[in-house]
Amino acid sequence: MAKNIQVKPGKAGSVLGLIVGCIFVGIGLFVVVPTFGPFGIFWTLGAGAIAVVNGINVFSQKGVATHTIVVEDDFPQGNASIHSPEERLRRLEDLYQKGLVTREEYDQSRKRILEEL
């Protein structure tokens, strides 16, 4: 069973995206719209969307996910005996350290492995 993990950019990347988005909105309003007309409107709307998404990621706890990571379930119930509990705990810790599972998923899986002992 695969799990989809939604990932949003870090604060530093979002701050940079917000700044660049705002600069491009300004360029759109003062240069591209007067020079290119309808294209300038699309330019400015696109830059505004970039600024808004990055602004949400900077100022919000939840934020907007920019991509998804699909994680295959490494610990199927039926094949639990293939790997030792020690190996499974090490693999689980590795997934957690890499940020591929949340703290809640880590705690649940760890508890399940220890209950099987």
PDB file of N, CA and C in Angstrom:
ATOM      1  N   MET A   1       0.839  -1.180   0.000  1.00  0.00           N
ATOM      2  CA  MET A   1       0.000   0.000   0.000  1.00  0.00           C
ATOM      3  C   MET A   1       0.882   1.242   0.000  1.00  0.00           C
ATOM      4  N   ALA A   2       0.644   2.150  -0.893  1.00  0.00           N
ATOM      5  CA  ALA A   2       1.449   3.366  -1.013  1.00  0.00           C
ATOM      6  C   ALA A   2       0.775   4.517  -0.263  1.00  0.00           C
ATOM      7  N   LYS A   3       1.613   5.397   0.257  1.00  0.00           N
ATOM      8  CA  LYS A   3       1.121   6.606   0.919  1.00  0.00           C
ATOM      9  C   LYS A   3       1.613   7.809   0.135  1.00  0.00           C
ATOM     10  N   ASN A   4       0.747   8.787  -0.045  1.00  0.00           N
ATOM     11  CA  ASN A   4       1.124  10.037  -0.690  1.00  0.00           C
ATOM     12  C   ASN A   4       1.402  11.069   0.387  1.00  0.00           C
ATOM     13  N   ILE A   5       2.590  11.647   0.348  1.00  0.00           N
ATOM     14  CA  ILE A   5       2.973  12.665   1.320  1.00  0.00           C
ATOM     15  C   ILE A   5       3.082  13.993   0.577  1.00  0.00           C
ATOM     16  N   GLN A   6       2.293  14.965   0.993  1.00  0.00           N
ATOM     17  CA  GLN A   6       2.321  16.295   0.390  1.00  0.00           C
ATOM     18  C   GLN A   6       3.474  17.083   0.999  1.00  0.00           C
ATOM     19  N   VAL A   7       4.264  17.749   0.149  1.00  0.00           N
ATOM     20  CA  VAL A   7       5.447  18.465   0.607  1.00  0.00           C
ATOM     21  C   VAL A   7       5.348  19.923   0.187  1.00  0.00           C
ATOM     22  N   LYS A   8       5.610  20.814   1.125  1.00  0.00           N
ATOM     23  CA  LYS A   8       5.672  22.231   0.789  1.00  0.00           C
ATOM     24  C   LYS A   8       7.111  22.702   0.945  1.00  0.00           C
ATOM     25  N   PRO A   9       7.490  23.765   0.237  1.00  0.00           N
ATOM     26  CA  PRO A   9       8.865  24.248   0.337  1.00  0.00           C
ATOM     27  C   PRO A   9       9.151  24.815   1.721  1.00  0.00           C
ATOM     28  N   GLY A  10      10.426  24.911   2.067  1.00  0.00           N
ATOM     29  CA  GLY A  10      10.835  25.480   3.344  1.00  0.00           C
ATOM     30  C   GLY A  10      10.597  26.984   3.384  1.00  0.00           C
ATOM     31  N   LYS A  11      10.757  27.553   4.568  1.00  0.00           N
ATOM     32  CA  LYS A  11      10.526  28.993   4.747  1.00  0.00           C
ATOM     33  C   LYS A  11      11.447  29.834   3.874  1.00  0.00           C
ATOM     34  N   ALA A  12      12.738  29.472   3.816  1.00  0.00           N
ATOM     35  CA  ALA A  12      13.686  30.281   3.044  1.00  0.00           C
ATOM     36  C   ALA A  12      13.295  30.313   1.564  1.00  0.00           C
ATOM     37  N   GLY A  13      12.957  29.171   0.998  1.00  0.00           N
ATOM     38  CA  GLY A  13      12.544  29.125  -0.400  1.00  0.00           C
ATOM     39  C   GLY A  13      11.253  29.890  -0.644  1.00  0.00           C
ATOM     40  N   SER A  14      10.337  29.818   0.318  1.00  0.00           N
ATOM     41  CA  SER A  14       9.071  30.536   0.180  1.00  0.00           C
ATOM     42  C   SER A  14       9.272  32.042   0.283  1.00  0.00           C
ATOM     43  N   VAL A  15      10.154  32.482   1.177  1.00  0.00           N
ATOM     44  CA  VAL A  15      10.441  33.921   1.296  1.00  0.00           C
ATOM     45  C   VAL A  15      11.038  34.422  -0.014  1.00  0.00           C
ATOM     46  N   LEU A  16      11.993  33.680  -0.562  1.00  0.00           N
ATOM     47  CA  LEU A  16      12.602  34.067  -1.832  1.00  0.00           C
ATOM     48  C   LEU A  16      11.546  34.099  -2.939  1.00  0.00           C
ATOM     49  N   GLY A  17      10.689  33.086  -2.992  1.00  0.00           N
ATOM     50  CA  GLY A  17       9.618  33.057  -3.994  1.00  0.00           C
ATOM     51  C   GLY A  17       8.658  34.221  -3.848  1.00  0.00           C
ATOM     52  N   LEU A  18       8.357  34.593  -2.603  1.00  0.00           N
ATOM     53  CA  LEU A  18       7.472  35.737  -2.354  1.00  0.00           C
ATOM     54  C   LEU A  18       8.109  37.028  -2.848  1.00  0.00           C
ATOM     55  N   ILE A  19       9.384  37.218  -2.543  1.00  0.00           N
ATOM     56  CA  ILE A  19      10.084  38.438  -2.970  1.00  0.00           C
ATOM     57  C   ILE A  19      10.147  38.511  -4.497  1.00  0.00           C
ATOM     58  N   VAL A  20      10.555  37.411  -5.123  1.00  0.00           N
ATOM     59  CA  VAL A  20      10.652  37.388  -6.589  1.00  0.00           C
ATOM     60  C   VAL A  20       9.276  37.578  -7.215  1.00  0.00           C
ATOM     61  N   GLY A  21       8.249  36.928  -6.660  1.00  0.00           N
ATOM     62  CA  GLY A  21       6.894  37.094  -7.174  1.00  0.00           C
ATOM     63  C   GLY A  21       6.441  38.546  -7.113  1.00  0.00           C
ATOM     64  N   CYS A  22       6.719  39.223  -6.000  1.00  0.00           N
ATOM     65  CA  CYS A  22       6.338  40.639  -5.866  1.00  0.00           C
ATOM     66  C   CYS A  22       7.104  41.517  -6.858  1.00  0.00           C
ATOM     67  N   ILE A  23       8.392  41.222  -7.054  1.00  0.00           N
ATOM     68  CA  ILE A  23       9.184  41.985  -8.034  1.00  0.00           C
ATOM     69  C   ILE A  23       8.586  41.809  -9.431  1.00  0.00           C
ATOM     70  N   PHE A  24       8.216  40.576  -9.775  1.00  0.00           N
ATOM     71  CA  PHE A  24       7.646  40.331 -11.102  1.00  0.00           C
ATOM     72  C   PHE A  24       6.248  40.945 -11.249  1.00  0.00           C
ATOM     73  N   VAL A  25       5.496  41.034 -10.161  1.00  0.00           N
ATOM     74  CA  VAL A  25       4.205  41.741 -10.231  1.00  0.00           C
ATOM     75  C   VAL A  25       4.460  43.212 -10.548  1.00  0.00           C
ATOM     76  N   GLY A  26       5.449  43.812  -9.866  1.00  0.00           N
ATOM     77  CA  GLY A  26       5.798  45.218 -10.138  1.00  0.00           C
ATOM     78  C   GLY A  26       6.249  45.423 -11.572  1.00  0.00           C
ATOM     79  N   ILE A  27       7.110  44.534 -12.062  1.00  0.00           N
ATOM     80  CA  ILE A  27       7.562  44.630 -13.452  1.00  0.00           C
ATOM     81  C   ILE A  27       6.367  44.490 -14.401  1.00  0.00           C
ATOM     82  N   GLY A  28       5.464  43.572 -14.059  1.00  0.00           N
ATOM     83  CA  GLY A  28       4.273  43.384 -14.890  1.00  0.00           C
ATOM     84  C   GLY A  28       3.415  44.632 -14.953  1.00  0.00           C
ATOM     85  N   LEU A  29       3.169  45.243 -13.792  1.00  0.00           N
ATOM     86  CA  LEU A  29       2.293  46.415 -13.740  1.00  0.00           C
ATOM     87  C   LEU A  29       2.897  47.638 -14.430  1.00  0.00           C
ATOM     88  N   PHE A  30       4.206  47.835 -14.243  1.00  0.00           N
ATOM     89  CA  PHE A  30       4.814  49.082 -14.716  1.00  0.00           C
ATOM     90  C   PHE A  30       5.553  48.964 -16.049  1.00  0.00           C
ATOM     91  N   VAL A  31       5.849  47.739 -16.489  1.00  0.00           N
ATOM     92  CA  VAL A  31       6.589  47.592 -17.746  1.00  0.00           C
ATOM     93  C   VAL A  31       5.816  46.724 -18.748  1.00  0.00           C
ATOM     94  N   VAL A  32       5.455  45.508 -18.338  1.00  0.00           N
ATOM     95  CA  VAL A  32       4.905  44.551 -19.295  1.00  0.00           C
ATOM     96  C   VAL A  32       3.485  44.921 -19.723  1.00  0.00           C
ATOM     97  N   VAL A  33       2.607  45.313 -18.804  1.00  0.00           N
ATOM     98  CA  VAL A  33       1.229  45.676 -19.181  1.00  0.00           C
ATOM     99  C   VAL A  33       1.230  46.887 -20.109  1.00  0.00           C
ATOM    100  N   PRO A  34       1.929  47.994 -19.770  1.00  0.00           N
ATOM    101  CA  PRO A  34       1.915  49.139 -20.699  1.00  0.00           C
ATOM    102  C   PRO A  34       2.543  48.833 -22.065  1.00  0.00           C
ATOM    103  N   THR A  35       3.534  47.936 -22.091  1.00  0.00           N
ATOM    104  CA  THR A  35       4.229  47.651 -23.342  1.00  0.00           C
ATOM    105  C   THR A  35       3.514  46.600 -24.189  1.00  0.00           C
ATOM    106  N   PHE A  36       3.046  45.525 -23.560  1.00  0.00           N
ATOM    107  CA  PHE A  36       2.518  44.389 -24.313  1.00  0.00           C
ATOM    108  C   PHE A  36       1.021  44.163 -24.147  1.00  0.00           C
ATOM    109  N   GLY A  37       0.351  44.978 -23.370  1.00  0.00           N
ATOM    110  CA  GLY A  37      -1.101  44.898 -23.228  1.00  0.00           C
ATOM    111  C   GLY A  37      -1.599  43.595 -22.633  1.00  0.00           C
ATOM    112  N   PRO A  38      -2.400  42.812 -23.413  1.00  0.00           N
ATOM    113  CA  PRO A  38      -3.002  41.582 -22.883  1.00  0.00           C
ATOM    114  C   PRO A  38      -1.970  40.578 -22.338  1.00  0.00           C
ATOM    115  N   PHE A  39      -0.823  40.453 -23.006  1.00  0.00           N
ATOM    116  CA  PHE A  39       0.209  39.550 -22.490  1.00  0.00           C
ATOM    117  C   PHE A  39       0.663  40.000 -21.102  1.00  0.00           C
ATOM    118  N   GLY A  40       0.748  41.300 -20.909  1.00  0.00           N
ATOM    119  CA  GLY A  40       1.158  41.846 -19.614  1.00  0.00           C
ATOM    120  C   GLY A  40       0.192  41.485 -18.500  1.00  0.00           C
ATOM    121  N   ILE A  41      -1.095  41.384 -18.846  1.00  0.00           N
ATOM    122  CA  ILE A  41      -2.094  40.996 -17.846  1.00  0.00           C
ATOM    123  C   ILE A  41      -1.848  39.554 -17.412  1.00  0.00           C
ATOM    124  N   PHE A  42      -1.611  38.659 -18.382  1.00  0.00           N
ATOM    125  CA  PHE A  42      -1.301  37.269 -18.032  1.00  0.00           C
ATOM    126  C   PHE A  42      -0.015  37.169 -17.216  1.00  0.00           C
ATOM    127  N   TRP A  43       0.991  37.922 -17.609  1.00  0.00           N
ATOM    128  CA  TRP A  43       2.273  37.963 -16.889  1.00  0.00           C
ATOM    129  C   TRP A  43       2.031  38.346 -15.431  1.00  0.00           C
ATOM    130  N   THR A  44       1.291  39.422 -15.231  1.00  0.00           N
ATOM    131  CA  THR A  44       1.063  39.942 -13.881  1.00  0.00           C
ATOM    132  C   THR A  44       0.216  38.981 -13.059  1.00  0.00           C
ATOM    133  N   LEU A  45      -0.785  38.357 -13.668  1.00  0.00           N
ATOM    134  CA  LEU A  45      -1.595  37.378 -12.940  1.00  0.00           C
ATOM    135  C   LEU A  45      -0.755  36.172 -12.533  1.00  0.00           C
ATOM    136  N   GLY A  46       0.101  35.694 -13.431  1.00  0.00           N
ATOM    137  CA  GLY A  46       0.993  34.573 -13.108  1.00  0.00           C
ATOM    138  C   GLY A  46       1.950  34.926 -11.983  1.00  0.00           C
ATOM    139  N   ALA A  47       2.538  36.107 -12.057  1.00  0.00           N
ATOM    140  CA  ALA A  47       3.446  36.551 -10.997  1.00  0.00           C
ATOM    141  C   ALA A  47       2.698  36.722  -9.680  1.00  0.00           C
ATOM    142  N   GLY A  48       1.464  37.207  -9.762  1.00  0.00           N
ATOM    143  CA  GLY A  48       0.649  37.350  -8.553  1.00  0.00           C
ATOM    144  C   GLY A  48       0.350  36.007  -7.918  1.00  0.00           C
ATOM    145  N   ALA A  49       0.055  34.996  -8.745  1.00  0.00           N
ATOM    146  CA  ALA A  49      -0.201  33.644  -8.223  1.00  0.00           C
ATOM    147  C   ALA A  49       1.041  33.099  -7.525  1.00  0.00           C
ATOM    148  N   ILE A  50       2.217  33.308  -8.126  1.00  0.00           N
ATOM    149  CA  ILE A  50       3.467  32.861  -7.500  1.00  0.00           C
ATOM    150  C   ILE A  50       3.658  33.546  -6.154  1.00  0.00           C
ATOM    151  N   ALA A  51       3.429  34.849  -6.101  1.00  0.00           N
ATOM    152  CA  ALA A  51       3.593  35.597  -4.859  1.00  0.00           C
ATOM    153  C   ALA A  51       2.596  35.132  -3.796  1.00  0.00           C
ATOM    154  N   VAL A  52       1.347  34.880  -4.191  1.00  0.00           N
ATOM    155  CA  VAL A  52       0.324  34.457  -3.234  1.00  0.00           C
ATOM    156  C   VAL A  52       0.639  33.079  -2.657  1.00  0.00           C
ATOM    157  N   VAL A  53       0.991  32.119  -3.511  1.00  0.00           N
ATOM    158  CA  VAL A  53       1.304  30.769  -3.031  1.00  0.00           C
ATOM    159  C   VAL A  53       2.484  30.800  -2.070  1.00  0.00           C
ATOM    160  N   ASN A  54       3.531  31.530  -2.429  1.00  0.00           N
ATOM    161  CA  ASN A  54       4.699  31.611  -1.554  1.00  0.00           C
ATOM    162  C   ASN A  54       4.388  32.399  -0.285  1.00  0.00           C
ATOM    163  N   GLY A  55       3.539  33.412  -0.395  1.00  0.00           N
ATOM    164  CA  GLY A  55       3.119  34.161   0.798  1.00  0.00           C
ATOM    165  C   GLY A  55       2.352  33.283   1.772  1.00  0.00           C
ATOM    166  N   ILE A  56       1.481  32.420   1.245  1.00  0.00           N
ATOM    167  CA  ILE A  56       0.743  31.484   2.100  1.00  0.00           C
ATOM    168  C   ILE A  56       1.722  30.550   2.803  1.00  0.00           C
ATOM    169  N   ASN A  57       2.733  30.065   2.078  1.00  0.00           N
ATOM    170  CA  ASN A  57       3.712  29.161   2.685  1.00  0.00           C
ATOM    171  C   ASN A  57       4.575  29.864   3.726  1.00  0.00           C
ATOM    172  N   VAL A  58       4.797  31.161   3.572  1.00  0.00           N
ATOM    173  CA  VAL A  58       5.599  31.902   4.549  1.00  0.00           C
ATOM    174  C   VAL A  58       4.793  32.167   5.817  1.00  0.00           C
ATOM    175  N   PHE A  59       3.543  32.573   5.675  1.00  0.00           N
ATOM    176  CA  PHE A  59       2.777  33.062   6.815  1.00  0.00           C
ATOM    177  C   PHE A  59       1.766  32.068   7.383  1.00  0.00           C
ATOM    178  N   SER A  60       1.695  30.862   6.848  1.00  0.00           N
ATOM    179  CA  SER A  60       0.710  29.890   7.295  1.00  0.00           C
ATOM    180  C   SER A  60       1.400  28.630   7.807  1.00  0.00           C
ATOM    181  N   GLN A  61       0.824  27.988   8.793  1.00  0.00           N
ATOM    182  CA  GLN A  61       1.365  26.733   9.307  1.00  0.00           C
ATOM    183  C   GLN A  61       1.138  25.594   8.316  1.00  0.00           C
ATOM    184  N   LYS A  62      -0.037  25.561   7.707  1.00  0.00           N
ATOM    185  CA  LYS A  62      -0.360  24.470   6.793  1.00  0.00           C
ATOM    186  C   LYS A  62       0.317  24.649   5.441  1.00  0.00           C
ATOM    187  N   GLY A  63       0.189  25.801   4.840  1.00  0.00           N
ATOM    188  CA  GLY A  63       0.845  26.072   3.573  1.00  0.00           C
ATOM    189  C   GLY A  63       0.215  25.356   2.390  1.00  0.00           C
ATOM    190  N   VAL A  64       0.852  25.520   1.244  1.00  0.00           N
ATOM    191  CA  VAL A  64       0.395  24.925  -0.008  1.00  0.00           C
ATOM    192  C   VAL A  64       1.465  23.942  -0.474  1.00  0.00           C
ATOM    193  N   ALA A  65       1.078  22.692  -0.657  1.00  0.00           N
ATOM    194  CA  ALA A  65       2.029  21.676  -1.114  1.00  0.00           C
ATOM    195  C   ALA A  65       2.393  21.926  -2.567  1.00  0.00           C
ATOM    196  N   THR A  66       3.675  21.766  -2.880  1.00  0.00           N
ATOM    197  CA  THR A  66       4.126  21.982  -4.255  1.00  0.00           C
ATOM    198  C   THR A  66       4.393  20.678  -4.986  1.00  0.00           C
ATOM    199  N   HIS A  67       4.565  19.582  -4.254  1.00  0.00           N
ATOM    200  CA  HIS A  67       4.743  18.289  -4.888  1.00  0.00           C
ATOM    201  C   HIS A  67       4.377  17.175  -3.915  1.00  0.00           C
ATOM    202  N   THR A  68       4.314  15.964  -4.449  1.00  0.00           N
ATOM    203  CA  THR A  68       3.907  14.805  -3.668  1.00  0.00           C
ATOM    204  C   THR A  68       4.988  13.734  -3.736  1.00  0.00           C
ATOM    205  N   ILE A  69       5.249  13.103  -2.607  1.00  0.00           N
ATOM    206  CA  ILE A  69       6.154  11.964  -2.560  1.00  0.00           C
ATOM    207  C   ILE A  69       5.307  10.726  -2.300  1.00  0.00           C
ATOM    208  N   VAL A  70       5.511   9.690  -3.108  1.00  0.00           N
ATOM    209  CA  VAL A  70       4.796   8.429  -2.926  1.00  0.00           C
ATOM    210  C   VAL A  70       5.735   7.475  -2.208  1.00  0.00           C
ATOM    211  N   VAL A  71       5.302   6.982  -1.034  1.00  0.00           N
ATOM    212  CA  VAL A  71       6.113   6.073  -0.233  1.00  0.00           C
ATOM    213  C   VAL A  71       5.417   4.725  -0.200  1.00  0.00           C
ATOM    214  N   GLU A  72       6.128   3.721  -0.644  1.00  0.00           N
ATOM    215  CA  GLU A  72       5.594   2.365  -0.586  1.00  0.00           C
ATOM    216  C   GLU A  72       5.673   1.872   0.852  1.00  0.00           C
ATOM    217  N   ASP A  73       4.701   1.108   1.273  1.00  0.00           N
ATOM    218  CA  ASP A  73       4.686   0.564   2.630  1.00  0.00           C
ATOM    219  C   ASP A  73       5.779  -0.490   2.750  1.00  0.00           C
ATOM    220  N   ASP A  74       6.817  -0.186   3.529  1.00  0.00           N
ATOM    221  CA  ASP A  74       7.938  -1.106   3.707  1.00  0.00           C
ATOM    222  C   ASP A  74       7.652  -2.178   4.749  1.00  0.00           C
ATOM    223  N   PHE A  75       6.552  -2.049   5.459  1.00  0.00           N
ATOM    224  CA  PHE A  75       6.281  -2.956   6.568  1.00  0.00           C
ATOM    225  C   PHE A  75       4.916  -3.607   6.432  1.00  0.00           C
ATOM    226  N   PRO A  76       4.713  -4.404   5.390  1.00  0.00           N
ATOM    227  CA  PRO A  76       3.404  -5.057   5.249  1.00  0.00           C
ATOM    228  C   PRO A  76       3.167  -6.056   6.376  1.00  0.00           C
ATOM    229  N   GLN A  77       1.936  -6.137   6.824  1.00  0.00           N
ATOM    230  CA  GLN A  77       1.594  -7.015   7.941  1.00  0.00           C
ATOM    231  C   GLN A  77       1.876  -8.480   7.627  1.00  0.00           C
ATOM    232  N   GLY A  78       1.548  -8.930   6.402  1.00  0.00           N
ATOM    233  CA  GLY A  78       1.697 -10.334   6.063  1.00  0.00           C
ATOM    234  C   GLY A  78       3.149 -10.786   5.969  1.00  0.00           C
ATOM    235  N   ASN A  79       4.065  -9.904   5.665  1.00  0.00           N
ATOM    236  CA  ASN A  79       5.466 -10.266   5.496  1.00  0.00           C
ATOM    237  C   ASN A  79       6.334  -9.747   6.637  1.00  0.00           C
ATOM    238  N   ALA A  80       5.763  -9.519   7.795  1.00  0.00           N
ATOM    239  CA  ALA A  80       6.494  -8.921   8.906  1.00  0.00           C
ATOM    240  C   ALA A  80       7.655  -9.786   9.357  1.00  0.00           C
ATOM    241  N   SER A  81       7.565 -11.094   9.173  1.00  0.00           N
ATOM    242  CA  SER A  81       8.614 -11.974   9.674  1.00  0.00           C
ATOM    243  C   SER A  81       9.837 -12.021   8.753  1.00  0.00           C
ATOM    244  N   ILE A  82       9.776 -11.416   7.572  1.00  0.00           N
ATOM    245  CA  ILE A  82      10.907 -11.443   6.645  1.00  0.00           C
ATOM    246  C   ILE A  82      12.099 -10.697   7.234  1.00  0.00           C
ATOM    247  N   HIS A  83      11.860  -9.577   7.902  1.00  0.00           N
ATOM    248  CA  HIS A  83      12.921  -8.766   8.485  1.00  0.00           C
ATOM    249  C   HIS A  83      12.829  -8.824  10.006  1.00  0.00           C
ATOM    250  N   SER A  84      13.972  -8.785  10.657  1.00  0.00           N
ATOM    251  CA  SER A  84      13.971  -8.801  12.115  1.00  0.00           C
ATOM    252  C   SER A  84      13.396  -7.483  12.630  1.00  0.00           C
ATOM    253  N   PRO A  85      12.829  -7.486  13.839  1.00  0.00           N
ATOM    254  CA  PRO A  85      12.302  -6.247  14.404  1.00  0.00           C
ATOM    255  C   PRO A  85      13.378  -5.156  14.475  1.00  0.00           C
ATOM    256  N   GLU A  86      14.616  -5.552  14.798  1.00  0.00           N
ATOM    257  CA  GLU A  86      15.700  -4.573  14.886  1.00  0.00           C
ATOM    258  C   GLU A  86      15.931  -3.896  13.526  1.00  0.00           C
ATOM    259  N   GLU A  87      15.937  -4.695  12.467  1.00  0.00           N
ATOM    260  CA  GLU A  87      16.134  -4.144  11.126  1.00  0.00           C
ATOM    261  C   GLU A  87      14.959  -3.251  10.732  1.00  0.00           C
ATOM    262  N   ARG A  88      13.761  -3.688  11.037  1.00  0.00           N
ATOM    263  CA  ARG A  88      12.575  -2.894  10.717  1.00  0.00           C
ATOM    264  C   ARG A  88      12.578  -1.570  11.469  1.00  0.00           C
ATOM    265  N   LEU A  89      13.003  -1.585  12.737  1.00  0.00           N
ATOM    266  CA  LEU A  89      13.078  -0.340  13.510  1.00  0.00           C
ATOM    267  C   LEU A  89      14.135   0.598  12.931  1.00  0.00           C
ATOM    268  N   ARG A  90      15.274   0.037  12.493  1.00  0.00           N
ATOM    269  CA  ARG A  90      16.316   0.870  11.876  1.00  0.00           C
ATOM    270  C   ARG A  90      15.812   1.487  10.577  1.00  0.00           C
ATOM    271  N   ARG A  91      15.114   0.686   9.771  1.00  0.00           N
ATOM    272  CA  ARG A  91      14.579   1.202   8.506  1.00  0.00           C
ATOM    273  C   ARG A  91      13.523   2.272   8.759  1.00  0.00           C
ATOM    274  N   LEU A  92      12.694   2.056   9.757  1.00  0.00           N
ATOM    275  CA  LEU A  92      11.678   3.041  10.117  1.00  0.00           C
ATOM    276  C   LEU A  92      12.333   4.344  10.572  1.00  0.00           C
ATOM    277  N   GLU A  93      13.350   4.249  11.424  1.00  0.00           N
ATOM    278  CA  GLU A  93      14.073   5.433  11.896  1.00  0.00           C
ATOM    279  C   GLU A  93      14.699   6.180  10.715  1.00  0.00           C
ATOM    280  N   ASP A  94      15.249   5.445   9.764  1.00  0.00           N
ATOM    281  CA  ASP A  94      15.847   6.051   8.575  1.00  0.00           C
ATOM    282  C   ASP A  94      14.799   6.813   7.773  1.00  0.00           C
ATOM    283  N   LEU A  95      13.624   6.221   7.581  1.00  0.00           N
ATOM    284  CA  LEU A  95      12.541   6.914   6.872  1.00  0.00           C
ATOM    285  C   LEU A  95      12.121   8.184   7.601  1.00  0.00           C
ATOM    286  N   TYR A  96      12.047   8.109   8.919  1.00  0.00           N
ATOM    287  CA  TYR A  96      11.662   9.275   9.711  1.00  0.00           C
ATOM    288  C   TYR A  96      12.719  10.375   9.605  1.00  0.00           C
ATOM    289  N   GLN A  97      13.995  10.008   9.715  1.00  0.00           N
ATOM    290  CA  GLN A  97      15.078  10.990   9.626  1.00  0.00           C
ATOM    291  C   GLN A  97      15.112  11.675   8.267  1.00  0.00           C
ATOM    292  N   LYS A  98      14.735  10.949   7.217  1.00  0.00           N
ATOM    293  CA  LYS A  98      14.710  11.523   5.868  1.00  0.00           C
ATOM    294  C   LYS A  98      13.450  12.361   5.640  1.00  0.00           C
ATOM    295  N   GLY A  99      12.532  12.362   6.597  1.00  0.00           N
ATOM    296  CA  GLY A  99      11.305  13.139   6.458  1.00  0.00           C
ATOM    297  C   GLY A  99      10.259  12.484   5.585  1.00  0.00           C
ATOM    298  N   LEU A 100      10.392  11.176   5.363  1.00  0.00           N
ATOM    299  CA  LEU A 100       9.448  10.484   4.490  1.00  0.00           C
ATOM    300  C   LEU A 100       8.226   9.975   5.233  1.00  0.00           C
ATOM    301  N   VAL A 101       8.295   9.920   6.557  1.00  0.00           N
ATOM    302  CA  VAL A 101       7.123   9.596   7.376  1.00  0.00           C
ATOM    303  C   VAL A 101       7.002  10.647   8.465  1.00  0.00           C
ATOM    304  N   THR A 102       5.778  10.922   8.855  1.00  0.00           N
ATOM    305  CA  THR A 102       5.539  11.901   9.908  1.00  0.00           C
ATOM    306  C   THR A 102       5.828  11.284  11.273  1.00  0.00           C
ATOM    307  N   ARG A 103       5.871  12.134  12.283  1.00  0.00           N
ATOM    308  CA  ARG A 103       6.105  11.650  13.646  1.00  0.00           C
ATOM    309  C   ARG A 103       4.985  10.687  14.055  1.00  0.00           C
ATOM    310  N   GLU A 104       3.744  11.010  13.676  1.00  0.00           N
ATOM    311  CA  GLU A 104       2.610  10.153  14.021  1.00  0.00           C
ATOM    312  C   GLU A 104       2.749   8.780  13.353  1.00  0.00           C
ATOM    313  N   GLU A 105       3.105   8.758  12.065  1.00  0.00           N
ATOM    314  CA  GLU A 105       3.291   7.488  11.365  1.00  0.00           C
ATOM    315  C   GLU A 105       4.447   6.700  11.975  1.00  0.00           C
ATOM    316  N   TYR A 106       5.513   7.408  12.327  1.00  0.00           N
ATOM    317  CA  TYR A 106       6.666   6.768  12.959  1.00  0.00           C
ATOM    318  C   TYR A 106       6.258   6.101  14.269  1.00  0.00           C
ATOM    319  N   ASP A 107       5.544   6.855  15.114  1.00  0.00           N
ATOM    320  CA  ASP A 107       5.130   6.318  16.416  1.00  0.00           C
ATOM    321  C   ASP A 107       4.203   5.111  16.257  1.00  0.00           C
ATOM    322  N   GLN A 108       3.254   5.191  15.314  1.00  0.00           N
ATOM    323  CA  GLN A 108       2.326   4.078  15.100  1.00  0.00           C
ATOM    324  C   GLN A 108       3.060   2.832  14.613  1.00  0.00           C
ATOM    325  N   SER A 109       3.958   3.012  13.636  1.00  0.00           N
ATOM    326  CA  SER A 109       4.689   1.862  13.097  1.00  0.00           C
ATOM    327  C   SER A 109       5.616   1.268  14.143  1.00  0.00           C
ATOM    328  N   ARG A 110       6.267   2.122  14.920  1.00  0.00           N
ATOM    329  CA  ARG A 110       7.181   1.642  15.964  1.00  0.00           C
ATOM    330  C   ARG A 110       6.411   0.823  17.000  1.00  0.00           C
ATOM    331  N   LYS A 111       5.252   1.346  17.380  1.00  0.00           N
ATOM    332  CA  LYS A 111       4.417   0.630  18.352  1.00  0.00           C
ATOM    333  C   LYS A 111       3.993  -0.736  17.802  1.00  0.00           C
ATOM    334  N   ARG A 112       3.591  -0.773  16.517  1.00  0.00           N
ATOM    335  CA  ARG A 112       3.170  -2.023  15.893  1.00  0.00           C
ATOM    336  C   ARG A 112       4.317  -3.036  15.854  1.00  0.00           C
ATOM    337  N   ILE A 113       5.514  -2.585  15.524  1.00  0.00           N
ATOM    338  CA  ILE A 113       6.670  -3.487  15.481  1.00  0.00           C
ATOM    339  C   ILE A 113       6.971  -4.040  16.870  1.00  0.00           C
ATOM    340  N   LEU A 114       6.940  -3.183  17.871  1.00  0.00           N
ATOM    341  CA  LEU A 114       7.237  -3.630  19.229  1.00  0.00           C
ATOM    342  C   LEU A 114       6.161  -4.555  19.777  1.00  0.00           C
ATOM    343  N   GLU A 115       4.907  -4.371  19.370  1.00  0.00           N
ATOM    344  CA  GLU A 115       3.825  -5.255  19.822  1.00  0.00           C
ATOM    345  C   GLU A 115       3.968  -6.667  19.255  1.00  0.00           C
ATOM    346  N   GLU A 116       4.646  -6.787  18.108  1.00  0.00           N
ATOM    347  CA  GLU A 116       4.831  -8.092  17.474  1.00  0.00           C
ATOM    348  C   GLU A 116       5.896  -8.940  18.166  1.00  0.00           C
ATOM    349  N   LEU A 117       6.668  -8.320  19.066  1.00  0.00           N
ATOM    350  CA  LEU A 117       7.732  -9.071  19.766  1.00  0.00           C
ATOM    351  C   LEU A 117       7.158 -10.081  20.729  1.00  0.00           C
TER     352      LEU A 117
END
